[in-house]
C-alpha atoms as a PDB file:
ATOM      1  CA  GLN A   1     -13.554  -5.435   2.318  1.00  0.00           C
ATOM      2  CA  ALA A   2     -12.267  -8.984   2.029  1.00  0.00           C
ATOM      3  CA  ILE A   3      -9.141  -8.435   4.331  1.00  0.00           C
ATOM      4  CA  GLN A   4     -12.496  -7.340   6.921  1.00  0.00           C
ATOM      5  CA  ALA A   5     -14.466 -10.635   5.396  1.00  0.00           C
ATOM      6  CA  ILE A   6     -11.450 -12.977   5.634  1.00  0.00           C
ATOM      7  CA  ASN A   7     -11.575 -11.146   9.880  1.00  0.00           C
ATOM      8  CA  GLY A   8     -14.591 -10.879  10.779  1.00  0.00           C
ATOM      9  CA  TYR A   9     -14.781  -7.199  10.925  1.00  0.00           C
ATOM     10  CA  THR A  10     -18.556  -7.680   8.355  1.00  0.00           C
ATOM     11  CA  ASN A  11     -20.114  -5.427  10.974  1.00  0.00           C
ATOM     12  CA  MET A  12     -18.711  -2.266   9.802  1.00  0.00           C
ATOM     13  CA  THR A  13     -18.209  -0.338   6.115  1.00  0.00           C
ATOM     14  CA  ALA A  14     -14.949  -0.159   4.905  1.00  0.00           C
ATOM     15  CA  GLU A  15     -14.410   3.321   5.546  1.00  0.00           C
ATOM     16  CA  GLU A  16     -15.456   3.056   8.982  1.00  0.00           C
ATOM     17  CA  PHE A  17     -13.128   0.003   9.624  1.00  0.00           C
ATOM     18  CA  THR A  18     -10.327   2.094   7.750  1.00  0.00           C
ATOM     19  CA  ASN A  19     -11.137   5.331  10.114  1.00  0.00           C
ATOM     20  CA  MET A  20     -10.876   2.430  13.600  1.00  0.00           C
ATOM     21  CA  ILE A  21      -8.168   1.381  11.917  1.00  0.00           C
ATOM     22  CA  PHE A  22      -6.633   4.600  11.777  1.00  0.00           C
ATOM     23  CA  GLN A  23      -8.306   6.768  14.955  1.00  0.00           C
ATOM     24  CA  ARG A  24      -5.956   4.226  17.130  1.00  0.00           C
ATOM     25  CA  ILE A  25      -2.451   3.997  15.585  1.00  0.00           C
ATOM     26  CA  ASP A  26      -2.563   7.903  14.423  1.00  0.00           C
ATOM     27  CA  VAL A  27      -0.611   8.349  17.343  1.00  0.00           C
ATOM     28  CA  ASN A  28       0.032  12.644  16.892  1.00  0.00           C
ATOM     29  CA  ASN A  29      -3.318  13.149  14.963  1.00  0.00           C
ATOM     30  CA  ASP A  30      -2.534  14.939  12.212  1.00  0.00           C
ATOM     31  CA  GLY A  31      -4.223  12.967   9.289  1.00  0.00           C
ATOM     32  CA  GLU A  32      -1.573  11.162   8.415  1.00  0.00           C
ATOM     33  CA  LEU A  33      -0.076   7.977   9.373  1.00  0.00           C
ATOM     34  CA  THR A  34       4.500   7.283   9.090  1.00  0.00           C
ATOM     35  CA  LEU A  35       5.896   4.017   8.413  1.00  0.00           C
ATOM     36  CA  GLU A  36       7.135   4.984  12.321  1.00  0.00           C
ATOM     37  CA  GLU A  37       3.683   5.396  13.583  1.00  0.00           C
ATOM     38  CA  PHE A  38       2.012   2.715  11.769  1.00  0.00           C
ATOM     39  CA  ILE A  39       4.717  -0.247  12.970  1.00  0.00           C
ATOM     40  CA  ASN A  40       4.772   1.136  16.899  1.00  0.00           C
ATOM     41  CA  GLY A  41       0.416   1.501  16.340  1.00  0.00           C
ATOM     42  CA  VAL A  42       0.281  -2.309  15.190  1.00  0.00           C
ATOM     43  CA  GLU A  43       3.174  -3.840  18.004  1.00  0.00           C
ATOM     44  CA  GLN A  44       1.816  -1.951  20.362  1.00  0.00           C
ATOM     45  CA  HIS A  45      -2.593  -3.334  19.399  1.00  0.00           C
ATOM     46  CA  GLU A  46      -1.902  -6.954  20.035  1.00  0.00           C
ATOM     47  CA  ASP A  47      -5.544  -7.397  17.692  1.00  0.00           C
ATOM     48  CA  LEU A  48      -4.325  -4.975  14.782  1.00  0.00           C
ATOM     49  CA  MET A  49      -0.430  -6.982  15.336  1.00  0.00           C
ATOM     50  CA  GLU A  50      -3.583 -10.687  14.497  1.00  0.00           C
ATOM     51  CA  LEU A  51      -5.474  -8.871  11.704  1.00  0.00           C
ATOM     52  CA  ILE A  52      -2.283  -8.050   9.698  1.00  0.00           C
ATOM     53  CA  THR A  53      -0.952 -11.674  10.235  1.00  0.00           C
ATOM     54  CA  LYS A  54      -4.172 -12.868   9.894  1.00  0.00           C
ATOM     55  CA  SER A  55      -4.499 -10.819   6.674  1.00  0.00           C
ATOM     56  CA  PHE A  56      -0.791 -12.064   5.720  1.00  0.00           C
ATOM     57  CA  ASP A  57      -1.845 -15.642   6.427  1.00  0.00           C
ATOM     58  CA  LEU A  58      -3.304 -17.336   3.057  1.00  0.00           C
ATOM     59  CA  SER A  59      -4.908 -20.421   5.216  1.00  0.00           C
ATOM     60  CA  ASN A  60      -6.964 -18.070   6.543  1.00  0.00           C
ATOM     61  CA  VAL A  61      -8.108 -16.893   2.542  1.00  0.00           C
ATOM     62  CA  LEU A  62      -8.834 -20.800   1.852  1.00  0.00           C
ATOM     63  CA  LYS A  63     -10.866 -21.451   5.025  1.00  0.00           C
ATOM     64  CA  VAL A  64     -13.183 -19.181   3.211  1.00  0.00           C
ATOM     65  CA  ILE A  65     -13.284 -20.440   0.852  1.00  0.00           C
ATOM     66  CA  GLN A  66     -13.941 -23.589   1.591  1.00  0.00           C
ATOM     67  CA  ASN A  67     -17.097 -22.870   3.692  1.00  0.00           C
ATOM     68  CA  GLY A  68     -18.230 -20.879   0.514  1.00  0.00           C
END
């Protein structure tokens, strides 16, 4: 939920958010993500790469804290 809030995905539940990400990168649809699937999925989807990058960038956390 915190990652969603930091990155502007507050219009869906944490479960919906996770399912959306999972469906996009679980290419063999086996219900599991291998490290290879995760890396390839993030590399192939620019918006996911941005999301992951923002999640590790603490400047966004500071902005959220400053803006209440």
